[in-house]
Amino acid sequence: MRLTRERDAPLHGTRWRITALVDKDVASSLPAAAAGKAWFTLDRKAGTASGSLGCNRFTARATVRDRHLTLSSPRTTRKMCDGSLMSVERNLTERLARPMSYRLTHRAITLTSENGKGIQAAAER
């Protein structure tokens, strides 16, 4: 038998499904209404991030350098959504607006800003 280690999911080109909001050492799952609906993908060639905040879609310029990700102010669609989805969207927008360090672990990514707030996401197959 030969054991091999599966490589980490690539940062670019992977659809990252947002699974939790992070506040320092505490990760809280997204509310049921947003579960599976919030995601993002980084496009290296275009230098962009795009995805869904749970209800509305977004796109932003993305800079990746030295294990840090910085997004410009996102452009979003303007659909009105359920109250809990709008709360998640505001929270995600606030977190994504700050420069964040990232850590890839197999098929997961954690993005964390200097204030300790961030997100966790899982690579979709």
C-alpha atoms as a PDB file:
ATOM      1  CA  MET A   1       0.000   0.000   0.000  1.00  0.00           C
ATOM      2  CA  ARG A   2       1.270   3.458  -0.872  1.00  0.00           C
ATOM      3  CA  LEU A   3      -0.095   6.483   0.954  1.00  0.00           C
ATOM      4  CA  THR A   4      -0.211   9.869  -0.701  1.00  0.00           C
ATOM      5  CA  ARG A   5      -1.359  13.242   0.511  1.00  0.00           C
ATOM      6  CA  GLU A   6      -4.055  14.971  -1.487  1.00  0.00           C
ATOM      7  CA  ARG A   7      -3.044  18.479  -2.472  1.00  0.00           C
ATOM      8  CA  ASP A   8      -4.764  21.560  -1.079  1.00  0.00           C
ATOM      9  CA  ALA A   9      -7.544  22.920  -3.272  1.00  0.00           C
ATOM     10  CA  PRO A  10      -6.200  25.725  -5.464  1.00  0.00           C
ATOM     11  CA  LEU A  11      -6.930  29.257  -4.269  1.00  0.00           C
ATOM     12  CA  HIS A  12      -7.878  30.442  -7.768  1.00  0.00           C
ATOM     13  CA  GLY A  13     -10.574  28.759  -9.828  1.00  0.00           C
ATOM     14  CA  THR A  14     -12.146  26.929  -6.889  1.00  0.00           C
ATOM     15  CA  ARG A  15     -15.730  27.629  -5.928  1.00  0.00           C
ATOM     16  CA  TRP A  16     -15.455  28.302  -2.169  1.00  0.00           C
ATOM     17  CA  ARG A  17     -18.764  27.697  -0.333  1.00  0.00           C
ATOM     18  CA  ILE A  18     -18.868  29.916   2.762  1.00  0.00           C
ATOM     19  CA  THR A  19     -19.648  27.772   5.795  1.00  0.00           C
ATOM     20  CA  ALA A  20     -19.005  29.970   8.839  1.00  0.00           C
ATOM     21  CA  LEU A  21     -18.369  33.455  10.163  1.00  0.00           C
ATOM     22  CA  VAL A  22     -15.277  33.747  12.346  1.00  0.00           C
ATOM     23  CA  ASP A  23     -14.820  36.135  15.268  1.00  0.00           C
ATOM     24  CA  LYS A  24     -11.361  35.571  16.764  1.00  0.00           C
ATOM     25  CA  ASP A  25     -11.362  31.936  17.997  1.00  0.00           C
ATOM     26  CA  VAL A  26     -15.088  31.325  17.486  1.00  0.00           C
ATOM     27  CA  ALA A  27     -16.616  30.090  14.222  1.00  0.00           C
ATOM     28  CA  SER A  28     -20.409  30.292  13.845  1.00  0.00           C
ATOM     29  CA  SER A  29     -22.249  28.438  11.098  1.00  0.00           C
ATOM     30  CA  LEU A  30     -24.269  30.522   8.674  1.00  0.00           C
ATOM     31  CA  PRO A  31     -27.998  30.673   9.484  1.00  0.00           C
ATOM     32  CA  ALA A  32     -30.051  27.926   7.831  1.00  0.00           C
ATOM     33  CA  ALA A  33     -31.545  30.404   5.334  1.00  0.00           C
ATOM     34  CA  ALA A  34     -28.049  31.162   3.963  1.00  0.00           C
ATOM     35  CA  ALA A  35     -26.522  27.679   4.213  1.00  0.00           C
ATOM     36  CA  GLY A  36     -25.092  26.621   0.852  1.00  0.00           C
ATOM     37  CA  LYS A  37     -26.042  29.905  -0.838  1.00  0.00           C
ATOM     38  CA  ALA A  38     -22.974  32.063  -0.103  1.00  0.00           C
ATOM     39  CA  TRP A  39     -19.837  31.347  -2.155  1.00  0.00           C
ATOM     40  CA  PHE A  40     -16.981  33.005  -4.033  1.00  0.00           C
ATOM     41  CA  THR A  41     -14.437  32.216  -6.729  1.00  0.00           C
ATOM     42  CA  LEU A  42     -11.135  33.968  -7.434  1.00  0.00           C
ATOM     43  CA  ASP A  43     -10.117  34.439 -11.075  1.00  0.00           C
ATOM     44  CA  ARG A  44      -6.336  34.886 -11.334  1.00  0.00           C
ATOM     45  CA  LYS A  45      -6.319  36.015 -14.979  1.00  0.00           C
ATOM     46  CA  ALA A  46      -9.079  38.616 -14.569  1.00  0.00           C
ATOM     47  CA  GLY A  47      -7.890  39.657 -11.087  1.00  0.00           C
ATOM     48  CA  THR A  48     -11.412  39.389  -9.689  1.00  0.00           C
ATOM     49  CA  ALA A  49     -13.525  37.734  -7.042  1.00  0.00           C
ATOM     50  CA  SER A  50     -17.159  36.930  -7.752  1.00  0.00           C
ATOM     51  CA  GLY A  51     -19.913  34.939  -6.149  1.00  0.00           C
ATOM     52  CA  SER A  52     -23.018  35.149  -4.026  1.00  0.00           C
ATOM     53  CA  LEU A  53     -23.512  36.733  -0.618  1.00  0.00           C
ATOM     54  CA  GLY A  54     -26.488  34.458   0.028  1.00  0.00           C
ATOM     55  CA  CYS A  55     -29.068  36.271  -2.097  1.00  0.00           C
ATOM     56  CA  ASN A  56     -27.286  38.908  -4.177  1.00  0.00           C
ATOM     57  CA  ARG A  57     -24.369  38.277  -6.507  1.00  0.00           C
ATOM     58  CA  PHE A  58     -21.152  40.310  -6.270  1.00  0.00           C
ATOM     59  CA  THR A  59     -17.947  41.015  -8.153  1.00  0.00           C
ATOM     60  CA  ALA A  60     -14.817  42.876  -6.997  1.00  0.00           C
ATOM     61  CA  ARG A  61     -11.208  43.378  -8.014  1.00  0.00           C
ATOM     62  CA  ALA A  62      -9.008  40.962  -6.067  1.00  0.00           C
ATOM     63  CA  THR A  63      -5.330  41.240  -5.168  1.00  0.00           C
ATOM     64  CA  VAL A  64      -3.519  38.209  -3.784  1.00  0.00           C
ATOM     65  CA  ARG A  65      -0.033  38.761  -2.406  1.00  0.00           C
ATOM     66  CA  ASP A  66       2.043  37.256   0.407  1.00  0.00           C
ATOM     67  CA  ARG A  67      -0.810  35.047   1.719  1.00  0.00           C
ATOM     68  CA  HIS A  68      -3.154  38.053   1.852  1.00  0.00           C
ATOM     69  CA  LEU A  69      -6.332  38.775  -0.114  1.00  0.00           C
ATOM     70  CA  THR A  70      -7.622  42.296  -0.655  1.00  0.00           C
ATOM     71  CA  LEU A  71     -10.899  43.037  -2.443  1.00  0.00           C
ATOM     72  CA  SER A  72     -12.088  46.359  -3.836  1.00  0.00           C
ATOM     73  CA  SER A  73     -15.564  47.595  -2.907  1.00  0.00           C
ATOM     74  CA  PRO A  74     -17.860  44.963  -4.376  1.00  0.00           C
ATOM     75  CA  ARG A  75     -20.489  45.663  -7.012  1.00  0.00           C
ATOM     76  CA  THR A  76     -23.665  43.789  -6.114  1.00  0.00           C
ATOM     77  CA  THR A  77     -27.091  43.082  -7.504  1.00  0.00           C
ATOM     78  CA  ARG A  78     -29.866  44.774  -5.533  1.00  0.00           C
ATOM     79  CA  LYS A  79     -32.501  42.113  -4.846  1.00  0.00           C
ATOM     80  CA  MET A  80     -34.510  42.396  -1.653  1.00  0.00           C
ATOM     81  CA  CYS A  81     -34.162  39.229   0.385  1.00  0.00           C
ATOM     82  CA  ASP A  82     -35.465  37.672   3.582  1.00  0.00           C
ATOM     83  CA  GLY A  83     -34.309  39.523   6.718  1.00  0.00           C
ATOM     84  CA  SER A  84     -31.907  36.798   7.866  1.00  0.00           C
ATOM     85  CA  LEU A  85     -30.290  36.651   4.407  1.00  0.00           C
ATOM     86  CA  MET A  86     -29.859  40.431   4.367  1.00  0.00           C
ATOM     87  CA  SER A  87     -28.178  40.248   7.777  1.00  0.00           C
ATOM     88  CA  VAL A  88     -25.748  37.588   6.501  1.00  0.00           C
ATOM     89  CA  GLU A  89     -25.056  39.659   3.383  1.00  0.00           C
ATOM     90  CA  ARG A  90     -24.252  42.790   5.411  1.00  0.00           C
ATOM     91  CA  ASN A  91     -21.970  40.728   7.659  1.00  0.00           C
ATOM     92  CA  LEU A  92     -20.149  39.099   4.721  1.00  0.00           C
ATOM     93  CA  THR A  93     -19.800  42.413   2.877  1.00  0.00           C
ATOM     94  CA  GLU A  94     -18.278  44.007   5.985  1.00  0.00           C
ATOM     95  CA  ARG A  95     -15.801  41.134   6.411  1.00  0.00           C
ATOM     96  CA  LEU A  96     -14.807  40.987   2.741  1.00  0.00           C
ATOM     97  CA  ALA A  97     -14.180  44.752   2.686  1.00  0.00           C
ATOM     98  CA  ARG A  98     -11.044  44.363   4.845  1.00  0.00           C
ATOM     99  CA  PRO A  99      -7.669  42.958   3.761  1.00  0.00           C
ATOM    100  CA  MET A 100      -7.447  39.378   5.009  1.00  0.00           C
ATOM    101  CA  SER A 101      -4.783  36.769   5.465  1.00  0.00           C
ATOM    102  CA  TYR A 102      -5.722  33.352   4.167  1.00  0.00           C
ATOM    103  CA  ARG A 103      -4.842  29.811   5.179  1.00  0.00           C
ATOM    104  CA  LEU A 104      -5.529  26.811   2.959  1.00  0.00           C
ATOM    105  CA  THR A 105      -5.975  23.457   4.672  1.00  0.00           C
ATOM    106  CA  HIS A 106      -6.742  20.604   2.290  1.00  0.00           C
ATOM    107  CA  ARG A 107     -10.197  21.563   0.930  1.00  0.00           C
ATOM    108  CA  ALA A 108     -10.875  24.466   3.320  1.00  0.00           C
ATOM    109  CA  ILE A 109      -9.879  28.110   3.490  1.00  0.00           C
ATOM    110  CA  THR A 110      -9.945  30.532   6.400  1.00  0.00           C
ATOM    111  CA  LEU A 111      -9.820  34.270   5.689  1.00  0.00           C
ATOM    112  CA  THR A 112      -9.052  36.494   8.688  1.00  0.00           C
ATOM    113  CA  SER A 113      -8.656  40.273   8.982  1.00  0.00           C
ATOM    114  CA  GLU A 114      -6.453  42.029  11.536  1.00  0.00           C
ATOM    115  CA  ASN A 115      -9.436  42.495  13.885  1.00  0.00           C
ATOM    116  CA  GLY A 116      -9.894  38.704  14.076  1.00  0.00           C
ATOM    117  CA  LYS A 117     -13.100  38.614  12.042  1.00  0.00           C
ATOM    118  CA  GLY A 118     -13.321  36.509   8.938  1.00  0.00           C
ATOM    119  CA  ILE A 119     -14.921  33.611   7.139  1.00  0.00           C
ATOM    120  CA  GLN A 120     -14.402  29.907   6.614  1.00  0.00           C
ATOM    121  CA  ALA A 121     -15.236  28.195   3.347  1.00  0.00           C
ATOM    122  CA  ALA A 122     -15.024  24.737   1.819  1.00  0.00           C
ATOM    123  CA  ALA A 123     -14.005  23.848  -1.721  1.00  0.00           C
ATOM    124  CA  GLU A 124     -16.855  22.426  -3.766  1.00  0.00           C
ATOM    125  CA  ARG A 125     -16.024  19.348  -5.803  1.00  0.00           C
END
